[in-house]
Amino acid sequence: MSSIWGTCQTGLAITTVLAYLSSFDYTSGSGKKTRQFNFLVETAPGDEVKLEPSEHQAYHLAALSDEAFDTLNISDATKAVLKTAAQQ
């Protein structure tokens, strides 16, 4: 069972779920078949990202139009979700 990614891995408090975006399947690093559900959400005003250090070392803010977006080490499925979210 998974928890809401936003609250436990980023420290952001989700205030509103705006839309269901999609889901996709992948094989995790441990070899488990996994389904990821993706939602567009709002967070509490003034919240700052606070990563769980045992899970993540850094985060990036990049616009879809930035050249850096195409070089991020994320799957094509994740890129598609982010592009869908930007169109909402």
PDB file of N, CA and C in Angstrom:
ATOM      1  N   MET A   1       0.842  -1.179   0.000  1.00  0.00           N
ATOM      2  CA  MET A   1       0.000   0.000   0.000  1.00  0.00           C
ATOM      3  C   MET A   1       0.890   1.246   0.000  1.00  0.00           C
ATOM      4  N   SER A   2       0.531   2.212  -0.794  1.00  0.00           N
ATOM      5  CA  SER A   2       1.308   3.449  -0.876  1.00  0.00           C
ATOM      6  C   SER A   2       0.573   4.576  -0.170  1.00  0.00           C
ATOM      7  N   SER A   3       1.340   5.550   0.251  1.00  0.00           N
ATOM      8  CA  SER A   3       0.732   6.758   0.816  1.00  0.00           C
ATOM      9  C   SER A   3       0.748   7.829  -0.260  1.00  0.00           C
ATOM     10  N   ILE A   4       0.147   8.954   0.033  1.00  0.00           N
ATOM     11  CA  ILE A   4       0.145  10.047  -0.934  1.00  0.00           C
ATOM     12  C   ILE A   4       1.558  10.592  -1.042  1.00  0.00           C
ATOM     13  N   TRP A   5       2.097  10.567  -2.260  1.00  0.00           N
ATOM     14  CA  TRP A   5       3.481  10.952  -2.485  1.00  0.00           C
ATOM     15  C   TRP A   5       3.764  12.353  -1.974  1.00  0.00           C
ATOM     16  N   GLY A   6       2.865  13.259  -2.194  1.00  0.00           N
ATOM     17  CA  GLY A   6       3.101  14.648  -1.824  1.00  0.00           C
ATOM     18  C   GLY A   6       3.366  14.835  -0.348  1.00  0.00           C
ATOM     19  N   THR A   7       2.628  14.151   0.505  1.00  0.00           N
ATOM     20  CA  THR A   7       2.753  14.406   1.925  1.00  0.00           C
ATOM     21  C   THR A   7       3.978  13.749   2.534  1.00  0.00           C
ATOM     22  N   CYS A   8       4.262  12.531   2.182  1.00  0.00           N
ATOM     23  CA  CYS A   8       5.353  11.832   2.880  1.00  0.00           C
ATOM     24  C   CYS A   8       6.712  12.053   2.240  1.00  0.00           C
ATOM     25  N   GLN A   9       6.778  12.324   0.956  1.00  0.00           N
ATOM     26  CA  GLN A   9       8.076  12.454   0.311  1.00  0.00           C
ATOM     27  C   GLN A   9       8.468  13.885  -0.007  1.00  0.00           C
ATOM     28  N   THR A  10       7.527  14.815   0.064  1.00  0.00           N
ATOM     29  CA  THR A  10       7.860  16.209  -0.234  1.00  0.00           C
ATOM     30  C   THR A  10       7.585  17.156   0.919  1.00  0.00           C
ATOM     31  N   GLY A  11       6.801  16.728   1.889  1.00  0.00           N
ATOM     32  CA  GLY A  11       6.426  17.602   2.989  1.00  0.00           C
ATOM     33  C   GLY A  11       5.331  18.583   2.640  1.00  0.00           C
ATOM     34  N   LEU A  12       4.788  18.499   1.430  1.00  0.00           N
ATOM     35  CA  LEU A  12       3.723  19.406   1.018  1.00  0.00           C
ATOM     36  C   LEU A  12       2.377  18.885   1.505  1.00  0.00           C
ATOM     37  N   ALA A  13       1.528  19.779   1.988  1.00  0.00           N
ATOM     38  CA  ALA A  13       0.190  19.413   2.425  1.00  0.00           C
ATOM     39  C   ALA A  13      -0.776  19.603   1.261  1.00  0.00           C
ATOM     40  N   ILE A  14      -1.363  18.504   0.797  1.00  0.00           N
ATOM     41  CA  ILE A  14      -2.319  18.565  -0.300  1.00  0.00           C
ATOM     42  C   ILE A  14      -3.648  19.068   0.244  1.00  0.00           C
ATOM     43  N   THR A  15      -4.159  20.142  -0.372  1.00  0.00           N
ATOM     44  CA  THR A  15      -5.424  20.708   0.087  1.00  0.00           C
ATOM     45  C   THR A  15      -6.592  20.332  -0.817  1.00  0.00           C
ATOM     46  N   THR A  16      -6.331  20.150  -2.111  1.00  0.00           N
ATOM     47  CA  THR A  16      -7.395  19.845  -3.057  1.00  0.00           C
ATOM     48  C   THR A  16      -6.880  18.929  -4.163  1.00  0.00           C
ATOM     49  N   VAL A  17      -7.645  17.911  -4.487  1.00  0.00           N
ATOM     50  CA  VAL A  17      -7.367  17.097  -5.671  1.00  0.00           C
ATOM     51  C   VAL A  17      -8.183  17.697  -6.802  1.00  0.00           C
ATOM     52  N   LEU A  18      -7.502  18.220  -7.808  1.00  0.00           N
ATOM     53  CA  LEU A  18      -8.164  18.915  -8.909  1.00  0.00           C
ATOM     54  C   LEU A  18      -8.598  17.976 -10.028  1.00  0.00           C
ATOM     55  N   ALA A  19      -7.765  16.966 -10.311  1.00  0.00           N
ATOM     56  CA  ALA A  19      -8.086  16.071 -11.431  1.00  0.00           C
ATOM     57  C   ALA A  19      -7.264  14.792 -11.351  1.00  0.00           C
ATOM     58  N   TYR A  20      -7.868  13.716 -11.820  1.00  0.00           N
ATOM     59  CA  TYR A  20      -7.129  12.475 -12.065  1.00  0.00           C
ATOM     60  C   TYR A  20      -6.512  12.633 -13.435  1.00  0.00           C
ATOM     61  N   LEU A  21      -5.212  12.387 -13.571  1.00  0.00           N
ATOM     62  CA  LEU A  21      -4.537  12.576 -14.844  1.00  0.00           C
ATOM     63  C   LEU A  21      -4.377  11.275 -15.619  1.00  0.00           C
ATOM     64  N   SER A  22      -3.868  10.240 -14.967  1.00  0.00           N
ATOM     65  CA  SER A  22      -3.629   8.966 -15.653  1.00  0.00           C
ATOM     66  C   SER A  22      -2.988   7.985 -14.676  1.00  0.00           C
ATOM     67  N   SER A  23      -2.735   6.799 -15.203  1.00  0.00           N
ATOM     68  CA  SER A  23      -1.933   5.826 -14.466  1.00  0.00           C
ATOM     69  C   SER A  23      -1.033   5.121 -15.471  1.00  0.00           C
ATOM     70  N   PHE A  24       0.038   4.533 -14.966  1.00  0.00           N
ATOM     71  CA  PHE A  24       0.891   3.707 -15.815  1.00  0.00           C
ATOM     72  C   PHE A  24       1.567   2.653 -14.960  1.00  0.00           C
ATOM     73  N   ASP A  25       1.955   1.571 -15.616  1.00  0.00           N
ATOM     74  CA  ASP A  25       2.613   0.461 -14.942  1.00  0.00           C
ATOM     75  C   ASP A  25       4.108   0.496 -15.225  1.00  0.00           C
ATOM     76  N   TYR A  26       4.878   0.068 -14.233  1.00  0.00           N
ATOM     77  CA  TYR A  26       6.319  -0.043 -14.405  1.00  0.00           C
ATOM     78  C   TYR A  26       6.857  -1.070 -13.426  1.00  0.00           C
ATOM     79  N   THR A  27       8.088  -1.474 -13.611  1.00  0.00           N
ATOM     80  CA  THR A  27       8.761  -2.384 -12.692  1.00  0.00           C
ATOM     81  C   THR A  27       9.675  -1.552 -11.809  1.00  0.00           C
ATOM     82  N   SER A  28       9.484  -1.664 -10.494  1.00  0.00           N
ATOM     83  CA  SER A  28      10.270  -0.877  -9.540  1.00  0.00           C
ATOM     84  C   SER A  28      11.719  -1.366  -9.508  1.00  0.00           C
ATOM     85  N   GLY A  29      12.560  -0.604  -8.836  1.00  0.00           N
ATOM     86  CA  GLY A  29      13.963  -0.977  -8.694  1.00  0.00           C
ATOM     87  C   GLY A  29      14.155  -2.316  -8.015  1.00  0.00           C
ATOM     88  N   SER A  30      13.192  -2.718  -7.173  1.00  0.00           N
ATOM     89  CA  SER A  30      13.283  -4.011  -6.482  1.00  0.00           C
ATOM     90  C   SER A  30      12.678  -5.139  -7.304  1.00  0.00           C
ATOM     91  N   GLY A  31      12.176  -4.805  -8.519  1.00  0.00           N
ATOM     92  CA  GLY A  31      11.629  -5.833  -9.396  1.00  0.00           C
ATOM     93  C   GLY A  31      10.130  -6.058  -9.277  1.00  0.00           C
ATOM     94  N   LYS A  32       9.461  -5.282  -8.425  1.00  0.00           N
ATOM     95  CA  LYS A  32       8.009  -5.431  -8.258  1.00  0.00           C
ATOM     96  C   LYS A  32       7.261  -4.711  -9.373  1.00  0.00           C
ATOM     97  N   LYS A  33       6.195  -5.346  -9.853  1.00  0.00           N
ATOM     98  CA  LYS A  33       5.315  -4.663 -10.799  1.00  0.00           C
ATOM     99  C   LYS A  33       4.506  -3.649 -10.007  1.00  0.00           C
ATOM    100  N   THR A  34       4.464  -2.418 -10.520  1.00  0.00           N
ATOM    101  CA  THR A  34       3.861  -1.308  -9.790  1.00  0.00           C
ATOM    102  C   THR A  34       2.958  -0.507 -10.716  1.00  0.00           C
ATOM    103  N   ARG A  35       1.870   0.005 -10.192  1.00  0.00           N
ATOM    104  CA  ARG A  35       0.999   0.916 -10.937  1.00  0.00           C
ATOM    105  C   ARG A  35       1.039   2.268 -10.237  1.00  0.00           C
ATOM    106  N   GLN A  36       1.341   3.301 -10.985  1.00  0.00           N
ATOM    107  CA  GLN A  36       1.378   4.657 -10.446  1.00  0.00           C
ATOM    108  C   GLN A  36       0.148   5.416 -10.913  1.00  0.00           C
ATOM    109  N   PHE A  37      -0.612   5.960  -9.964  1.00  0.00           N
ATOM    110  CA  PHE A  37      -1.760   6.807 -10.262  1.00  0.00           C
ATOM    111  C   PHE A  37      -1.315   8.259 -10.104  1.00  0.00           C
ATOM    112  N   ASN A  38      -1.747   9.108 -11.018  1.00  0.00           N
ATOM    113  CA  ASN A  38      -1.284  10.493 -11.045  1.00  0.00           C
ATOM    114  C   ASN A  38      -2.454  11.459 -10.972  1.00  0.00           C
ATOM    115  N   PHE A  39      -2.331  12.439 -10.087  1.00  0.00           N
ATOM    116  CA  PHE A  39      -3.371  13.430  -9.850  1.00  0.00           C
ATOM    117  C   PHE A  39      -2.773  14.822  -9.893  1.00  0.00           C
ATOM    118  N   LEU A  40      -3.574  15.774 -10.328  1.00  0.00           N
ATOM    119  CA  LEU A  40      -3.208  17.180 -10.245  1.00  0.00           C
ATOM    120  C   LEU A  40      -3.780  17.695  -8.932  1.00  0.00           C
ATOM    121  N   VAL A  41      -2.945  18.304  -8.106  1.00  0.00           N
ATOM    122  CA  VAL A  41      -3.382  18.735  -6.776  1.00  0.00           C
ATOM    123  C   VAL A  41      -2.966  20.173  -6.503  1.00  0.00           C
ATOM    124  N   GLU A  42      -3.625  20.770  -5.509  1.00  0.00           N
ATOM    125  CA  GLU A  42      -3.188  22.049  -4.957  1.00  0.00           C
ATOM    126  C   GLU A  42      -2.587  21.767  -3.600  1.00  0.00           C
ATOM    127  N   THR A  43      -1.600  22.582  -3.226  1.00  0.00           N
ATOM    128  CA  THR A  43      -0.978  22.437  -1.914  1.00  0.00           C
ATOM    129  C   THR A  43      -1.225  23.691  -1.085  1.00  0.00           C
ATOM    130  N   ALA A  44      -0.991  23.570   0.196  1.00  0.00           N
ATOM    131  CA  ALA A  44      -1.207  24.696   1.107  1.00  0.00           C
ATOM    132  C   ALA A  44      -0.315  25.868   0.711  1.00  0.00           C
ATOM    133  N   PRO A  45      -0.868  27.085   0.737  1.00  0.00           N
ATOM    134  CA  PRO A  45      -0.078  28.275   0.403  1.00  0.00           C
ATOM    135  C   PRO A  45       1.159  28.381   1.299  1.00  0.00           C
ATOM    136  N   GLY A  46       2.268  28.724   0.679  1.00  0.00           N
ATOM    137  CA  GLY A  46       3.497  28.930   1.447  1.00  0.00           C
ATOM    138  C   GLY A  46       4.271  27.672   1.764  1.00  0.00           C
ATOM    139  N   ASP A  47       3.724  26.506   1.437  1.00  0.00           N
ATOM    140  CA  ASP A  47       4.456  25.257   1.686  1.00  0.00           C
ATOM    141  C   ASP A  47       5.748  25.249   0.881  1.00  0.00           C
ATOM    142  N   GLU A  48       6.783  24.682   1.476  1.00  0.00           N
ATOM    143  CA  GLU A  48       8.057  24.503   0.780  1.00  0.00           C
ATOM    144  C   GLU A  48       8.364  23.021   0.695  1.00  0.00           C
ATOM    145  N   VAL A  49       9.017  22.611  -0.381  1.00  0.00           N
ATOM    146  CA  VAL A  49       9.382  21.213  -0.557  1.00  0.00           C
ATOM    147  C   VAL A  49      10.429  20.841   0.486  1.00  0.00           C
ATOM    148  N   LYS A  50      10.163  19.755   1.201  1.00  0.00           N
ATOM    149  CA  LYS A  50      11.104  19.201   2.178  1.00  0.00           C
ATOM    150  C   LYS A  50      11.214  17.717   1.881  1.00  0.00           C
ATOM    151  N   LEU A  51      12.267  17.329   1.168  1.00  0.00           N
ATOM    152  CA  LEU A  51      12.424  15.943   0.749  1.00  0.00           C
ATOM    153  C   LEU A  51      12.775  15.032   1.910  1.00  0.00           C
ATOM    154  N   GLU A  52      12.310  13.798   1.824  1.00  0.00           N
ATOM    155  CA  GLU A  52      12.694  12.757   2.766  1.00  0.00           C
ATOM    156  C   GLU A  52      14.097  12.303   2.360  1.00  0.00           C
ATOM    157  N   PRO A  53      15.135  12.595   3.169  1.00  0.00           N
ATOM    158  CA  PRO A  53      16.517  12.330   2.750  1.00  0.00           C
ATOM    159  C   PRO A  53      16.825  10.860   2.478  1.00  0.00           C
ATOM    160  N   SER A  54      16.093   9.948   3.087  1.00  0.00           N
ATOM    161  CA  SER A  54      16.360   8.527   2.822  1.00  0.00           C
ATOM    162  C   SER A  54      15.779   8.099   1.472  1.00  0.00           C
ATOM    163  N   GLU A  55      14.938   8.946   0.865  1.00  0.00           N
ATOM    164  CA  GLU A  55      14.309   8.619  -0.406  1.00  0.00           C
ATOM    165  C   GLU A  55      14.878   9.415  -1.583  1.00  0.00           C
ATOM    166  N   HIS A  56      15.186  10.697  -1.357  1.00  0.00           N
ATOM    167  CA  HIS A  56      15.568  11.589  -2.453  1.00  0.00           C
ATOM    168  C   HIS A  56      16.671  12.541  -2.009  1.00  0.00           C
ATOM    169  N   GLN A  57      17.496  12.952  -2.980  1.00  0.00           N
ATOM    170  CA  GLN A  57      18.592  13.859  -2.679  1.00  0.00           C
ATOM    171  C   GLN A  57      18.357  15.273  -3.194  1.00  0.00           C
ATOM    172  N   ALA A  58      17.498  15.420  -4.219  1.00  0.00           N
ATOM    173  CA  ALA A  58      17.307  16.735  -4.827  1.00  0.00           C
ATOM    174  C   ALA A  58      16.004  16.765  -5.607  1.00  0.00           C
ATOM    175  N   TYR A  59      15.570  17.964  -5.955  1.00  0.00           N
ATOM    176  CA  TYR A  59      14.437  18.131  -6.855  1.00  0.00           C
ATOM    177  C   TYR A  59      14.749  19.276  -7.803  1.00  0.00           C
ATOM    178  N   HIS A  60      14.056  19.305  -8.922  1.00  0.00           N
ATOM    179  CA  HIS A  60      14.260  20.337  -9.938  1.00  0.00           C
ATOM    180  C   HIS A  60      12.926  20.944 -10.312  1.00  0.00           C
ATOM    181  N   LEU A  61      12.903  22.239 -10.515  1.00  0.00           N
ATOM    182  CA  LEU A  61      11.755  22.917 -11.087  1.00  0.00           C
ATOM    183  C   LEU A  61      12.131  23.296 -12.512  1.00  0.00           C
ATOM    184  N   ALA A  62      11.404  22.749 -13.466  1.00  0.00           N
ATOM    185  CA  ALA A  62      11.716  23.016 -14.865  1.00  0.00           C
ATOM    186  C   ALA A  62      10.417  23.141 -15.647  1.00  0.00           C
ATOM    187  N   ALA A  63      10.318  24.183 -16.427  1.00  0.00           N
ATOM    188  CA  ALA A  63       9.161  24.343 -17.302  1.00  0.00           C
ATOM    189  C   ALA A  63       9.260  23.342 -18.444  1.00  0.00           C
ATOM    190  N   LEU A  64       8.117  22.918 -18.961  1.00  0.00           N
ATOM    191  CA  LEU A  64       8.123  21.971 -20.079  1.00  0.00           C
ATOM    192  C   LEU A  64       8.870  22.539 -21.276  1.00  0.00           C
ATOM    193  N   SER A  65       8.892  23.851 -21.387  1.00  0.00           N
ATOM    194  CA  SER A  65       9.565  24.500 -22.512  1.00  0.00           C
ATOM    195  C   SER A  65      11.077  24.625 -22.302  1.00  0.00           C
ATOM    196  N   ASP A  66      11.547  24.386 -21.079  1.00  0.00           N
ATOM    197  CA  ASP A  66      12.988  24.468 -20.798  1.00  0.00           C
ATOM    198  C   ASP A  66      13.727  23.322 -21.471  1.00  0.00           C
ATOM    199  N   GLU A  67      14.890  23.621 -21.987  1.00  0.00           N
ATOM    200  CA  GLU A  67      15.732  22.581 -22.578  1.00  0.00           C
ATOM    201  C   GLU A  67      16.071  21.514 -21.535  1.00  0.00           C
ATOM    202  N   ALA A  68      16.182  21.928 -20.284  1.00  0.00           N
ATOM    203  CA  ALA A  68      16.521  21.000 -19.196  1.00  0.00           C
ATOM    204  C   ALA A  68      15.459  19.918 -19.009  1.00  0.00           C
ATOM    205  N   PHE A  69      14.190  20.215 -19.322  1.00  0.00           N
ATOM    206  CA  PHE A  69      13.122  19.232 -19.146  1.00  0.00           C
ATOM    207  C   PHE A  69      13.399  17.961 -19.944  1.00  0.00           C
ATOM    208  N   ASP A  70      13.897  18.120 -21.157  1.00  0.00           N
ATOM    209  CA  ASP A  70      14.156  16.961 -22.011  1.00  0.00           C
ATOM    210  C   ASP A  70      15.347  16.132 -21.550  1.00  0.00           C
ATOM    211  N   THR A  71      16.176  16.686 -20.687  1.00  0.00           N
ATOM    212  CA  THR A  71      17.355  15.950 -20.224  1.00  0.00           C
ATOM    213  C   THR A  71      17.169  15.341 -18.834  1.00  0.00           C
ATOM    214  N   LEU A  72      16.004  15.577 -18.201  1.00  0.00           N
ATOM    215  CA  LEU A  72      15.774  14.999 -16.872  1.00  0.00           C
ATOM    216  C   LEU A  72      15.738  13.483 -16.947  1.00  0.00           C
ATOM    217  N   ASN A  73      16.220  12.830 -15.906  1.00  0.00           N
ATOM    218  CA  ASN A  73      16.242  11.374 -15.845  1.00  0.00           C
ATOM    219  C   ASN A  73      14.894  10.869 -15.323  1.00  0.00           C
ATOM    220  N   ILE A  74      13.857  11.035 -16.158  1.00  0.00           N
ATOM    221  CA  ILE A  74      12.514  10.548 -15.828  1.00  0.00           C
ATOM    222  C   ILE A  74      11.972   9.798 -17.042  1.00  0.00           C
ATOM    223  N   SER A  75      11.056   8.899 -16.798  1.00  0.00           N
ATOM    224  CA  SER A  75      10.525   8.067 -17.874  1.00  0.00           C
ATOM    225  C   SER A  75       9.667   8.885 -18.836  1.00  0.00           C
ATOM    226  N   ASP A  76       9.470   8.332 -20.018  1.00  0.00           N
ATOM    227  CA  ASP A  76       8.584   8.967 -20.992  1.00  0.00           C
ATOM    228  C   ASP A  76       7.162   9.037 -20.443  1.00  0.00           C
ATOM    229  N   ALA A  77       6.750   8.012 -19.671  1.00  0.00           N
ATOM    230  CA  ALA A  77       5.409   8.011 -19.075  1.00  0.00           C
ATOM    231  C   ALA A  77       5.256   9.167 -18.097  1.00  0.00           C
ATOM    232  N   THR A  78       6.289   9.435 -17.299  1.00  0.00           N
ATOM    233  CA  THR A  78       6.244  10.553 -16.353  1.00  0.00           C
ATOM    234  C   THR A  78       6.217  11.883 -17.100  1.00  0.00           C
ATOM    235  N   LYS A  79       7.011  12.002 -18.146  1.00  0.00           N
ATOM    236  CA  LYS A  79       6.991  13.229 -18.954  1.00  0.00           C
ATOM    237  C   LYS A  79       5.607  13.464 -19.536  1.00  0.00           C
ATOM    238  N   ALA A  80       4.940  12.403 -19.999  1.00  0.00           N
ATOM    239  CA  ALA A  80       3.598  12.537 -20.563  1.00  0.00           C
ATOM    240  C   ALA A  80       2.609  13.029 -19.509  1.00  0.00           C
ATOM    241  N   VAL A  81       2.720  12.524 -18.281  1.00  0.00           N
ATOM    242  CA  VAL A  81       1.826  12.973 -17.194  1.00  0.00           C
ATOM    243  C   VAL A  81       2.052  14.448 -16.923  1.00  0.00           C
ATOM    244  N   LEU A  82       3.297  14.881 -16.868  1.00  0.00           N
ATOM    245  CA  LEU A  82       3.589  16.291 -16.600  1.00  0.00           C
ATOM    246  C   LEU A  82       3.040  17.179 -17.713  1.00  0.00           C
ATOM    247  N   LYS A  83       3.133  16.724 -18.952  1.00  0.00           N
ATOM    248  CA  LYS A  83       2.585  17.496 -20.068  1.00  0.00           C
ATOM    249  C   LYS A  83       1.057  17.563 -19.981  1.00  0.00           C
ATOM    250  N   THR A  84       0.426  16.471 -19.574  1.00  0.00           N
ATOM    251  CA  THR A  84      -1.021  16.473 -19.376  1.00  0.00           C
ATOM    252  C   THR A  84      -1.410  17.452 -18.279  1.00  0.00           C
ATOM    253  N   ALA A  85      -0.664  17.442 -17.178  1.00  0.00           N
ATOM    254  CA  ALA A  85      -0.951  18.344 -16.059  1.00  0.00           C
ATOM    255  C   ALA A  85      -0.839  19.802 -16.495  1.00  0.00           C
ATOM    256  N   ALA A  86       0.122  20.101 -17.318  1.00  0.00           N
ATOM    257  CA  ALA A  86       0.327  21.482 -17.767  1.00  0.00           C
ATOM    258  C   ALA A  86      -0.828  21.982 -18.629  1.00  0.00           C
ATOM    259  N   GLN A  87      -1.561  21.076 -19.246  1.00  0.00           N
ATOM    260  CA  GLN A  87      -2.684  21.457 -20.104  1.00  0.00           C
ATOM    261  C   GLN A  87      -3.984  21.655 -19.327  1.00  0.00           C
ATOM    262  N   GLN A  88      -3.985  21.334 -18.056  1.00  0.00           N
ATOM    263  CA  GLN A  88      -5.209  21.442 -17.231  1.00  0.00           C
ATOM    264  C   GLN A  88      -5.500  22.880 -16.880  1.00  0.00           C
TER     265      GLN A  88
END
